[in-house]
Amino acid sequence: MRVDLYTKVILTLIAGLLLALVLRPTSVEAQSSNQDLYFEPGYTQLRKPDGTASIQGKMAIDMKTGNIWGFPTGVEGPYPVNFTDTKPPTSRPFLLGKFDLVAAK
């Protein structure tokens, strides 16, 4: 009789904890709204502000500061390519300009 009471108490405790685990509120987002960088879809011709270079690449906007960054890819494609090296290249961004996000509010 003592084992039966112990088993019922343990099973009730397990069921209660499982129910609490299932019913707890969770927040799931497919796309986070607090991203710092927004990457424009596709790729575009990037021109350095000083006029020293014009190259294909991706454009990103820092949503906190309004800075517009250019990530050169070197080709008409969404990621950097270097045909002379077997290691994956790294695209170093350069500042293209700035959006005044405060004035837009």
C-alpha atoms as a PDB file:
ATOM      1  CA  MET A   1       0.000   0.000   0.000  1.00  0.00           C
ATOM      2  CA  ARG A   2       2.876   2.376   0.744  1.00  0.00           C
ATOM      3  CA  VAL A   3       4.472   1.787  -2.717  1.00  0.00           C
ATOM      4  CA  ASP A   4       1.149   2.488  -4.441  1.00  0.00           C
ATOM      5  CA  LEU A   5       0.836   5.919  -2.774  1.00  0.00           C
ATOM      6  CA  TYR A   6       4.467   6.748  -3.597  1.00  0.00           C
ATOM      7  CA  THR A   7       3.959   5.793  -7.276  1.00  0.00           C
ATOM      8  CA  LYS A   8       0.805   7.910  -7.542  1.00  0.00           C
ATOM      9  CA  VAL A   9       2.513  10.951  -6.009  1.00  0.00           C
ATOM     10  CA  ILE A  10       5.558  10.672  -8.299  1.00  0.00           C
ATOM     11  CA  LEU A  11       3.418  10.163 -11.430  1.00  0.00           C
ATOM     12  CA  THR A  12       1.207  13.113 -10.464  1.00  0.00           C
ATOM     13  CA  LEU A  13       4.295  15.270  -9.909  1.00  0.00           C
ATOM     14  CA  ILE A  14       5.735  14.256 -13.313  1.00  0.00           C
ATOM     15  CA  ALA A  15       2.421  14.977 -15.037  1.00  0.00           C
ATOM     16  CA  GLY A  16       2.175  18.379 -13.352  1.00  0.00           C
ATOM     17  CA  LEU A  17       5.727  19.340 -14.360  1.00  0.00           C
ATOM     18  CA  LEU A  18       5.129  18.202 -17.944  1.00  0.00           C
ATOM     19  CA  LEU A  19       1.923  20.238 -18.071  1.00  0.00           C
ATOM     20  CA  ALA A  20       3.767  23.303 -16.758  1.00  0.00           C
ATOM     21  CA  LEU A  21       6.449  22.786 -19.403  1.00  0.00           C
ATOM     22  CA  VAL A  22       3.898  22.530 -22.214  1.00  0.00           C
ATOM     23  CA  LEU A  23       1.771  25.489 -21.098  1.00  0.00           C
ATOM     24  CA  ARG A  24       4.576  27.980 -20.460  1.00  0.00           C
ATOM     25  CA  PRO A  25       4.518  30.951 -22.847  1.00  0.00           C
ATOM     26  CA  THR A  26       7.193  30.958 -25.519  1.00  0.00           C
ATOM     27  CA  SER A  27       8.042  33.537 -28.123  1.00  0.00           C
ATOM     28  CA  VAL A  28       9.056  32.246 -31.528  1.00  0.00           C
ATOM     29  CA  GLU A  29       9.841  34.502 -34.468  1.00  0.00           C
ATOM     30  CA  ALA A  30      10.651  33.344 -37.961  1.00  0.00           C
ATOM     31  CA  GLN A  31      12.428  36.615 -38.609  1.00  0.00           C
ATOM     32  CA  SER A  32      13.805  38.725 -35.814  1.00  0.00           C
ATOM     33  CA  SER A  33      12.751  42.360 -35.781  1.00  0.00           C
ATOM     34  CA  ASN A  34      15.855  43.560 -33.941  1.00  0.00           C
ATOM     35  CA  GLN A  35      18.417  43.010 -36.675  1.00  0.00           C
ATOM     36  CA  ASP A  36      21.101  45.645 -36.952  1.00  0.00           C
ATOM     37  CA  LEU A  37      21.897  45.163 -40.655  1.00  0.00           C
ATOM     38  CA  TYR A  38      19.444  44.989 -43.529  1.00  0.00           C
ATOM     39  CA  PHE A  39      20.901  43.544 -46.742  1.00  0.00           C
ATOM     40  CA  GLU A  40      19.310  44.707 -49.973  1.00  0.00           C
ATOM     41  CA  PRO A  41      18.216  41.764 -52.111  1.00  0.00           C
ATOM     42  CA  GLY A  42      20.365  41.020 -55.135  1.00  0.00           C
ATOM     43  CA  TYR A  43      23.563  42.890 -55.917  1.00  0.00           C
ATOM     44  CA  THR A  44      24.412  46.262 -57.408  1.00  0.00           C
ATOM     45  CA  GLN A  45      27.242  48.426 -58.714  1.00  0.00           C
ATOM     46  CA  LEU A  46      29.007  49.983 -55.705  1.00  0.00           C
ATOM     47  CA  ARG A  47      30.919  53.230 -56.161  1.00  0.00           C
ATOM     48  CA  LYS A  48      33.323  54.437 -53.484  1.00  0.00           C
ATOM     49  CA  PRO A  49      32.481  58.002 -52.396  1.00  0.00           C
ATOM     50  CA  ASP A  50      35.967  59.236 -53.318  1.00  0.00           C
ATOM     51  CA  GLY A  51      35.495  57.896 -56.862  1.00  0.00           C
ATOM     52  CA  THR A  52      38.518  55.577 -56.739  1.00  0.00           C
ATOM     53  CA  ALA A  53      36.606  52.355 -57.439  1.00  0.00           C
ATOM     54  CA  SER A  54      33.390  50.951 -58.821  1.00  0.00           C
ATOM     55  CA  ILE A  55      32.723  47.273 -58.194  1.00  0.00           C
ATOM     56  CA  GLN A  56      29.838  44.796 -58.031  1.00  0.00           C
ATOM     57  CA  GLY A  57      28.597  43.935 -54.557  1.00  0.00           C
ATOM     58  CA  LYS A  58      25.912  43.827 -51.908  1.00  0.00           C
ATOM     59  CA  MET A  59      24.531  46.840 -50.066  1.00  0.00           C
ATOM     60  CA  ALA A  60      23.662  46.765 -46.356  1.00  0.00           C
ATOM     61  CA  ILE A  61      21.994  49.372 -44.157  1.00  0.00           C
ATOM     62  CA  ASP A  62      22.715  49.632 -40.441  1.00  0.00           C
ATOM     63  CA  MET A  63      19.199  50.139 -39.092  1.00  0.00           C
ATOM     64  CA  LYS A  64      20.431  51.767 -35.868  1.00  0.00           C
ATOM     65  CA  THR A  65      22.785  54.380 -37.318  1.00  0.00           C
ATOM     66  CA  GLY A  66      21.580  54.740 -40.921  1.00  0.00           C
ATOM     67  CA  ASN A  67      25.048  53.984 -42.316  1.00  0.00           C
ATOM     68  CA  ILE A  68      25.027  52.399 -45.772  1.00  0.00           C
ATOM     69  CA  TRP A  69      27.765  49.820 -46.313  1.00  0.00           C
ATOM     70  CA  GLY A  70      28.993  48.268 -49.527  1.00  0.00           C
ATOM     71  CA  PHE A  71      30.280  44.695 -49.467  1.00  0.00           C
ATOM     72  CA  PRO A  72      32.214  44.074 -52.695  1.00  0.00           C
ATOM     73  CA  THR A  73      31.787  40.678 -54.319  1.00  0.00           C
ATOM     74  CA  GLY A  74      33.954  41.295 -57.378  1.00  0.00           C
ATOM     75  CA  VAL A  75      31.492  39.478 -59.645  1.00  0.00           C
ATOM     76  CA  GLU A  76      27.860  39.781 -60.643  1.00  0.00           C
ATOM     77  CA  GLY A  77      26.761  37.554 -57.793  1.00  0.00           C
ATOM     78  CA  PRO A  78      25.587  37.664 -54.183  1.00  0.00           C
ATOM     79  CA  TYR A  79      28.829  36.523 -52.529  1.00  0.00           C
ATOM     80  CA  PRO A  80      32.558  37.270 -52.999  1.00  0.00           C
ATOM     81  CA  VAL A  81      34.494  35.156 -55.481  1.00  0.00           C
ATOM     82  CA  ASN A  82      38.235  34.946 -56.099  1.00  0.00           C
ATOM     83  CA  PHE A  83      39.121  32.691 -59.030  1.00  0.00           C
ATOM     84  CA  THR A  84      42.879  32.771 -58.293  1.00  0.00           C
ATOM     85  CA  ASP A  85      42.760  31.376 -54.739  1.00  0.00           C
ATOM     86  CA  THR A  86      41.266  28.194 -53.271  1.00  0.00           C
ATOM     87  CA  LYS A  87      40.438  29.822 -49.916  1.00  0.00           C
ATOM     88  CA  PRO A  88      37.036  31.520 -49.551  1.00  0.00           C
ATOM     89  CA  PRO A  89      37.455  35.306 -49.833  1.00  0.00           C
ATOM     90  CA  THR A  90      36.292  37.807 -47.229  1.00  0.00           C
ATOM     91  CA  SER A  91      34.455  40.921 -48.362  1.00  0.00           C
ATOM     92  CA  ARG A  92      35.577  44.020 -46.449  1.00  0.00           C
ATOM     93  CA  PRO A  93      32.832  46.667 -46.327  1.00  0.00           C
ATOM     94  CA  PHE A  94      33.272  50.343 -47.089  1.00  0.00           C
ATOM     95  CA  LEU A  95      30.993  53.216 -46.146  1.00  0.00           C
ATOM     96  CA  LEU A  96      28.818  54.426 -49.035  1.00  0.00           C
ATOM     97  CA  GLY A  97      26.760  57.056 -47.236  1.00  0.00           C
ATOM     98  CA  LYS A  98      24.165  57.556 -44.536  1.00  0.00           C
ATOM     99  CA  PHE A  99      20.392  57.758 -44.249  1.00  0.00           C
ATOM    100  CA  ASP A 100      19.093  60.274 -41.714  1.00  0.00           C
ATOM    101  CA  LEU A 101      16.717  57.913 -39.909  1.00  0.00           C
ATOM    102  CA  VAL A 102      15.875  60.469 -37.207  1.00  0.00           C
ATOM    103  CA  ALA A 103      14.515  62.940 -39.775  1.00  0.00           C
ATOM    104  CA  ALA A 104      12.301  60.232 -41.273  1.00  0.00           C
ATOM    105  CA  LYS A 105      10.329  59.821 -38.018  1.00  0.00           C
END
